[in-house]
Amino acid sequence: MTDLDYYLTYDHAARGRTTLLSVFIGAGAGMISESLGMSFKTAGIFCILMVGAVEVTRAWRYVQPAERRGVAAGFPSPTLKSATRRSLIFVPVSLLLLLDRIADKVLAYRPKPKTKAAKRRKRRNQYAKRRRSESSI
């Protein structure tokens, strides 16, 4: 197993640190480029390029920790059980989003409560329309 394979497959902590570092560098580059007078679009492109450069460089130069080198060869490939366990994490979130969406659809059909102020406003507008029509005759 190469260092890059190990980095992309198992070393989640290193990837998390790399992501934080790249986002901070990219955001800083975007802010500095905007303060130097570049357009928003150019600063955004520059920001994305910096994030990509940091991510690729850190992945390319990654070296496995010394204590993991001997163990890395013995790692089994991700099994169906671990993949299933990872996917089960997203089930409650997906279920909540689905229920929220259903509730929005159902609640959209309920009648809206009318307040006294709305009724008064409607009545006042009707009287005003009548007076306008009578005065125009």
Foldseek 3Di string as FASTA:
>chain_A
DDQLCCVVAPDPVLLVVLQVVLQVVLVVQLVVVVVVPDDNVVSNVSSVVSSVVSNVVCSVPGDDDPVCVVVVVVDDDDDPVVVVVVVVVCVVVVVVVVVVVVVVVVVVPDDDDDDPVNVVVVVVVVVVVVVVVVVVD
